[in-house]
Amino acid sequence: MSSLEKVNNTIATAEDVARKIWLAGLGAYGKSFEEIQSQYERLNSETSRFFEELVFKGEKLEAGTKEKLKEKTAIEKRVDDVRKKLGLDSSDTDTKIDELSQKVDALVESVSKLS
């Protein structure tokens, strides 16, 4: 083999090696891109699933809270009704205290006149 053929053969081999290095780099980039995309899709899916779980739990808590609020409101209404029936309504109580104070004052005056 002549020296020109050896040089051409060496150049061809170097070009082939350089091309393979280039292709390996492209392959690594493509593989990395695919892996990142796969991880992103998995993470996005998990995030969506996690968000939906939180929404579901929030809906359950909201329903329970609304039910307890209804119960509390119903109990408060019943207590208010009982207080009114027993004459313990706060607005009536102030009026009744004033009325009783006037009666006591009138009784004290009557007793003092008698004595």
N, C-alpha and C. Protein backbone atom coordinates (compact mmCIF):
# COMPACT_ATOMS: atom_id res chain seq x y z
N MET A 1 0.85 -1.15 0.00
CA MET A 1 0.00 0.00 0.00
C MET A 1 0.90 1.22 0.00
N SER A 2 0.49 2.17 -0.82
CA SER A 2 1.32 3.36 -0.93
C SER A 2 1.05 4.29 0.23
N SER A 3 1.96 5.23 0.39
CA SER A 3 1.80 6.15 1.50
C SER A 3 0.58 7.03 1.31
N LEU A 4 0.19 7.35 0.09
CA LEU A 4 -1.02 8.13 -0.17
C LEU A 4 -2.26 7.34 0.25
N GLU A 5 -2.26 6.07 -0.03
CA GLU A 5 -3.36 5.22 0.36
C GLU A 5 -3.45 5.12 1.89
N LYS A 6 -2.27 5.03 2.54
CA LYS A 6 -2.23 4.97 4.00
C LYS A 6 -2.80 6.25 4.61
N VAL A 7 -2.43 7.40 4.00
CA VAL A 7 -2.93 8.68 4.50
C VAL A 7 -4.43 8.76 4.30
N ASN A 8 -4.90 8.39 3.10
CA ASN A 8 -6.34 8.40 2.82
C ASN A 8 -7.09 7.45 3.74
N ASN A 9 -6.49 6.30 3.97
CA ASN A 9 -7.10 5.30 4.86
C ASN A 9 -7.16 5.84 6.29
N THR A 10 -6.12 6.51 6.75
CA THR A 10 -6.08 7.09 8.09
C THR A 10 -7.11 8.21 8.22
N ILE A 11 -7.21 9.04 7.15
CA ILE A 11 -8.20 10.13 7.15
C ILE A 11 -9.62 9.55 7.20
N ALA A 12 -9.87 8.51 6.42
CA ALA A 12 -11.19 7.88 6.40
C ALA A 12 -11.52 7.29 7.78
N THR A 13 -10.52 6.67 8.38
CA THR A 13 -10.72 6.09 9.70
C THR A 13 -11.00 7.20 10.72
N ALA A 14 -10.24 8.29 10.67
CA ALA A 14 -10.44 9.42 11.57
C ALA A 14 -11.83 10.04 11.36
N GLU A 15 -12.24 10.17 10.07
CA GLU A 15 -13.58 10.71 9.78
C GLU A 15 -14.65 9.78 10.33
N ASP A 16 -14.42 8.48 10.19
CA ASP A 16 -15.39 7.51 10.68
C ASP A 16 -15.49 7.58 12.21
N VAL A 17 -14.34 7.68 12.88
CA VAL A 17 -14.33 7.79 14.35
C VAL A 17 -15.01 9.10 14.77
N ALA A 18 -14.68 10.21 14.09
CA ALA A 18 -15.28 11.51 14.43
C ALA A 18 -16.79 11.46 14.23
N ARG A 19 -17.23 10.83 13.14
CA ARG A 19 -18.68 10.71 12.87
C ARG A 19 -19.35 9.88 13.97
N LYS A 20 -18.70 8.79 14.38
CA LYS A 20 -19.27 7.94 15.42
C LYS A 20 -19.34 8.70 16.77
N ILE A 21 -18.31 9.51 17.06
CA ILE A 21 -18.33 10.32 18.28
C ILE A 21 -19.48 11.32 18.21
N TRP A 22 -19.64 11.95 17.05
CA TRP A 22 -20.75 12.90 16.83
C TRP A 22 -22.10 12.20 17.04
N LEU A 23 -22.26 11.02 16.42
CA LEU A 23 -23.51 10.27 16.53
C LEU A 23 -23.76 9.82 17.98
N ALA A 24 -22.69 9.43 18.67
CA ALA A 24 -22.84 9.03 20.07
C ALA A 24 -23.31 10.23 20.91
N GLY A 25 -22.77 11.40 20.62
CA GLY A 25 -23.19 12.62 21.31
C GLY A 25 -24.66 12.91 21.05
N LEU A 26 -25.06 12.79 19.77
CA LEU A 26 -26.47 13.00 19.43
C LEU A 26 -27.37 11.97 20.12
N GLY A 27 -26.90 10.74 20.14
CA GLY A 27 -27.66 9.68 20.81
C GLY A 27 -27.81 9.96 22.30
N ALA A 28 -26.73 10.42 22.94
CA ALA A 28 -26.79 10.75 24.36
C ALA A 28 -27.76 11.89 24.60
N TYR A 29 -27.72 12.89 23.73
CA TYR A 29 -28.64 14.02 23.85
C TYR A 29 -30.08 13.54 23.69
N GLY A 30 -30.33 12.69 22.67
CA GLY A 30 -31.68 12.17 22.43
C GLY A 30 -32.17 11.33 23.60
N LYS A 31 -31.27 10.48 24.13
CA LYS A 31 -31.64 9.63 25.27
C LYS A 31 -31.94 10.50 26.49
N SER A 32 -31.11 11.49 26.74
CA SER A 32 -31.33 12.39 27.88
C SER A 32 -32.65 13.12 27.72
N PHE A 33 -32.91 13.60 26.52
CA PHE A 33 -34.15 14.33 26.25
C PHE A 33 -35.35 13.43 26.50
N GLU A 34 -35.29 12.19 26.00
CA GLU A 34 -36.40 11.25 26.21
C GLU A 34 -36.60 10.96 27.69
N GLU A 35 -35.48 10.78 28.42
CA GLU A 35 -35.58 10.48 29.84
C GLU A 35 -36.17 11.66 30.61
N ILE A 36 -35.72 12.86 30.29
CA ILE A 36 -36.25 14.06 30.95
C ILE A 36 -37.73 14.22 30.63
N GLN A 37 -38.08 13.99 29.39
CA GLN A 37 -39.49 14.11 29.00
C GLN A 37 -40.33 13.06 29.73
N SER A 38 -39.81 11.86 29.85
CA SER A 38 -40.53 10.80 30.56
C SER A 38 -40.70 11.16 32.03
N GLN A 39 -39.64 11.67 32.67
CA GLN A 39 -39.72 12.07 34.07
C GLN A 39 -40.70 13.23 34.24
N TYR A 40 -40.67 14.17 33.30
CA TYR A 40 -41.60 15.30 33.36
C TYR A 40 -43.04 14.82 33.27
N GLU A 41 -43.31 13.92 32.34
CA GLU A 41 -44.68 13.39 32.19
C GLU A 41 -45.11 12.63 33.43
N ARG A 42 -44.19 11.84 34.02
CA ARG A 42 -44.49 11.10 35.23
C ARG A 42 -44.77 12.06 36.39
N LEU A 43 -43.90 13.07 36.52
CA LEU A 43 -44.08 14.06 37.58
C LEU A 43 -45.37 14.83 37.39
N ASN A 44 -45.65 15.21 36.17
CA ASN A 44 -46.88 15.94 35.87
C ASN A 44 -48.10 15.09 36.21
N SER A 45 -48.03 13.82 35.88
CA SER A 45 -49.13 12.89 36.18
C SER A 45 -49.30 12.74 37.69
N GLU A 46 -48.18 12.58 38.41
CA GLU A 46 -48.24 12.44 39.86
C GLU A 46 -48.77 13.72 40.50
N THR A 47 -48.34 14.86 39.97
CA THR A 47 -48.81 16.14 40.50
C THR A 47 -50.31 16.27 40.31
N SER A 48 -50.79 15.90 39.14
CA SER A 48 -52.23 15.96 38.87
C SER A 48 -53.00 15.02 39.79
N ARG A 49 -52.47 13.82 39.96
CA ARG A 49 -53.12 12.84 40.84
C ARG A 49 -53.13 13.35 42.29
N PHE A 50 -52.00 13.89 42.72
CA PHE A 50 -51.90 14.42 44.09
C PHE A 50 -52.88 15.58 44.27
N PHE A 51 -52.97 16.46 43.28
CA PHE A 51 -53.89 17.59 43.35
C PHE A 51 -55.33 17.10 43.44
N GLU A 52 -55.67 16.11 42.65
CA GLU A 52 -57.03 15.55 42.68
C GLU A 52 -57.32 14.92 44.04
N GLU A 53 -56.32 14.25 44.64
CA GLU A 53 -56.52 13.70 45.98
C GLU A 53 -56.79 14.80 47.00
N LEU A 54 -56.05 15.90 46.88
CA LEU A 54 -56.25 17.02 47.80
C LEU A 54 -57.64 17.63 47.62
N VAL A 55 -58.08 17.76 46.37
CA VAL A 55 -59.42 18.30 46.10
C VAL A 55 -60.47 17.37 46.72
N PHE A 56 -60.32 16.06 46.53
CA PHE A 56 -61.27 15.09 47.07
C PHE A 56 -61.33 15.20 48.60
N LYS A 57 -60.16 15.25 49.26
CA LYS A 57 -60.14 15.37 50.72
C LYS A 57 -60.75 16.69 51.16
N GLY A 58 -60.47 17.76 50.40
CA GLY A 58 -61.06 19.06 50.71
C GLY A 58 -62.56 19.04 50.62
N GLU A 59 -63.09 18.36 49.61
CA GLU A 59 -64.55 18.26 49.46
C GLU A 59 -65.16 17.50 50.63
N LYS A 60 -64.49 16.42 51.07
CA LYS A 60 -65.00 15.65 52.22
C LYS A 60 -64.99 16.51 53.48
N LEU A 61 -63.90 17.23 53.69
CA LEU A 61 -63.82 18.09 54.88
C LEU A 61 -64.87 19.20 54.83
N GLU A 62 -65.06 19.77 53.64
CA GLU A 62 -66.05 20.83 53.49
C GLU A 62 -67.45 20.30 53.81
N ALA A 63 -67.77 19.13 53.28
CA ALA A 63 -69.09 18.54 53.53
C ALA A 63 -69.28 18.28 55.03
N GLY A 64 -68.24 17.73 55.67
CA GLY A 64 -68.34 17.47 57.10
C GLY A 64 -68.48 18.76 57.91
N THR A 65 -67.74 19.77 57.51
CA THR A 65 -67.81 21.06 58.21
C THR A 65 -69.18 21.69 58.05
N LYS A 66 -69.72 21.62 56.83
CA LYS A 66 -71.06 22.18 56.60
C LYS A 66 -72.09 21.45 57.45
N GLU A 67 -71.96 20.13 57.55
CA GLU A 67 -72.91 19.34 58.34
C GLU A 67 -72.80 19.72 59.82
N LYS A 68 -71.58 19.86 60.34
CA LYS A 68 -71.40 20.24 61.74
C LYS A 68 -71.93 21.65 61.98
N LEU A 69 -71.74 22.54 61.01
CA LEU A 69 -72.24 23.90 61.15
C LEU A 69 -73.77 23.90 61.18
N LYS A 70 -74.39 23.07 60.34
CA LYS A 70 -75.85 22.96 60.36
C LYS A 70 -76.32 22.45 61.72
N GLU A 71 -75.62 21.42 62.24
CA GLU A 71 -75.98 20.86 63.55
C GLU A 71 -75.84 21.93 64.63
N LYS A 72 -74.72 22.66 64.58
CA LYS A 72 -74.49 23.69 65.60
C LYS A 72 -75.56 24.77 65.51
N THR A 73 -75.89 25.18 64.29
CA THR A 73 -76.91 26.20 64.10
C THR A 73 -78.26 25.70 64.62
N ALA A 74 -78.58 24.44 64.33
CA ALA A 74 -79.84 23.87 64.81
C ALA A 74 -79.87 23.82 66.34
N ILE A 75 -78.76 23.45 66.95
CA ILE A 75 -78.70 23.39 68.42
C ILE A 75 -78.84 24.79 69.00
N GLU A 76 -78.14 25.77 68.40
CA GLU A 76 -78.24 27.15 68.88
C GLU A 76 -79.68 27.67 68.77
N LYS A 77 -80.36 27.31 67.68
CA LYS A 77 -81.74 27.74 67.50
C LYS A 77 -82.63 27.12 68.58
N ARG A 78 -82.42 25.83 68.85
CA ARG A 78 -83.21 25.16 69.89
C ARG A 78 -82.95 25.79 71.26
N VAL A 79 -81.70 26.09 71.55
CA VAL A 79 -81.36 26.73 72.83
C VAL A 79 -82.04 28.09 72.92
N ASP A 80 -81.98 28.86 71.84
CA ASP A 80 -82.65 30.18 71.83
C ASP A 80 -84.15 30.04 72.05
N ASP A 81 -84.76 29.03 71.40
CA ASP A 81 -86.20 28.81 71.58
C ASP A 81 -86.53 28.47 73.03
N VAL A 82 -85.72 27.60 73.64
CA VAL A 82 -85.94 27.22 75.03
C VAL A 82 -85.75 28.43 75.94
N ARG A 83 -84.72 29.23 75.69
CA ARG A 83 -84.49 30.44 76.49
C ARG A 83 -85.69 31.39 76.40
N LYS A 84 -86.23 31.56 75.20
CA LYS A 84 -87.40 32.44 75.02
C LYS A 84 -88.60 31.89 75.78
N LYS A 85 -88.81 30.56 75.68
CA LYS A 85 -89.95 29.95 76.37
C LYS A 85 -89.82 30.08 77.87
N LEU A 86 -88.58 30.03 78.38
CA LEU A 86 -88.36 30.15 79.82
C LEU A 86 -88.25 31.61 80.26
N GLY A 87 -88.33 32.52 79.31
CA GLY A 87 -88.23 33.93 79.65
C GLY A 87 -86.81 34.37 79.92
N LEU A 88 -85.86 33.66 79.36
CA LEU A 88 -84.46 34.00 79.57
C LEU A 88 -83.84 34.69 78.37
N ASP A 89 -84.66 35.17 77.48
CA ASP A 89 -84.16 35.89 76.32
C ASP A 89 -83.45 37.15 76.80
N SER A 90 -82.29 37.47 76.29
CA SER A 90 -81.47 38.56 76.82
C SER A 90 -82.16 39.91 76.73
N SER A 91 -82.89 40.19 75.66
CA SER A 91 -83.57 41.47 75.56
C SER A 91 -84.72 41.54 76.55
N ASP A 92 -85.43 40.44 76.75
CA ASP A 92 -86.52 40.38 77.73
C ASP A 92 -85.98 40.44 79.15
N THR A 93 -84.83 39.85 79.38
CA THR A 93 -84.25 39.82 80.72
C THR A 93 -83.97 41.23 81.22
N ASP A 94 -83.41 42.08 80.40
CA ASP A 94 -83.13 43.46 80.82
C ASP A 94 -84.42 44.20 81.17
N THR A 95 -85.44 43.99 80.35
CA THR A 95 -86.73 44.64 80.62
C THR A 95 -87.33 44.12 81.92
N LYS A 96 -87.28 42.82 82.13
CA LYS A 96 -87.85 42.22 83.34
C LYS A 96 -87.08 42.68 84.58
N ILE A 97 -85.78 42.82 84.48
CA ILE A 97 -84.99 43.30 85.62
C ILE A 97 -85.40 44.72 85.97
N ASP A 98 -85.58 45.55 84.95
CA ASP A 98 -86.04 46.93 85.21
C ASP A 98 -87.41 46.94 85.88
N GLU A 99 -88.32 46.10 85.37
CA GLU A 99 -89.66 46.03 85.95
C GLU A 99 -89.60 45.57 87.41
N LEU A 100 -88.79 44.51 87.68
CA LEU A 100 -88.66 44.01 89.04
C LEU A 100 -88.01 45.04 89.96
N SER A 101 -87.04 45.77 89.43
CA SER A 101 -86.40 46.82 90.24
C SER A 101 -87.41 47.89 90.63
N GLN A 102 -88.30 48.27 89.72
CA GLN A 102 -89.33 49.26 90.03
C GLN A 102 -90.30 48.73 91.08
N LYS A 103 -90.66 47.44 90.96
CA LYS A 103 -91.58 46.83 91.93
C LYS A 103 -90.93 46.76 93.30
N VAL A 104 -89.65 46.39 93.34
CA VAL A 104 -88.94 46.32 94.61
C VAL A 104 -88.87 47.71 95.23
N ASP A 105 -88.57 48.72 94.40
CA ASP A 105 -88.52 50.10 94.91
C ASP A 105 -89.90 50.51 95.46
N ALA A 106 -90.95 50.14 94.76
CA ALA A 106 -92.32 50.48 95.22
C ALA A 106 -92.62 49.75 96.53
N LEU A 107 -92.22 48.47 96.65
CA LEU A 107 -92.42 47.71 97.88
C LEU A 107 -91.64 48.32 99.04
N VAL A 108 -90.41 48.70 98.79
CA VAL A 108 -89.58 49.31 99.83
C VAL A 108 -90.25 50.61 100.30
N GLU A 109 -90.78 51.37 99.38
CA GLU A 109 -91.45 52.63 99.74
C GLU A 109 -92.72 52.35 100.56
N SER A 110 -93.46 51.34 100.12
CA SER A 110 -94.70 50.98 100.85
C SER A 110 -94.38 50.51 102.26
N VAL A 111 -93.35 49.68 102.41
CA VAL A 111 -92.96 49.16 103.71
C VAL A 111 -92.48 50.29 104.59
N SER A 112 -91.76 51.23 104.04
CA SER A 112 -91.25 52.34 104.86
C SER A 112 -92.40 53.24 105.32
N LYS A 113 -93.43 53.37 104.53
CA LYS A 113 -94.60 54.15 104.94
C LYS A 113 -95.36 53.46 106.06
N LEU A 114 -95.40 52.13 106.00
CA LEU A 114 -96.11 51.36 107.02
C LEU A 114 -95.36 51.38 108.35
N SER A 115 -94.08 51.48 108.28
CA SER A 115 -93.34 51.44 109.53
C SER A 115 -93.22 52.82 110.05
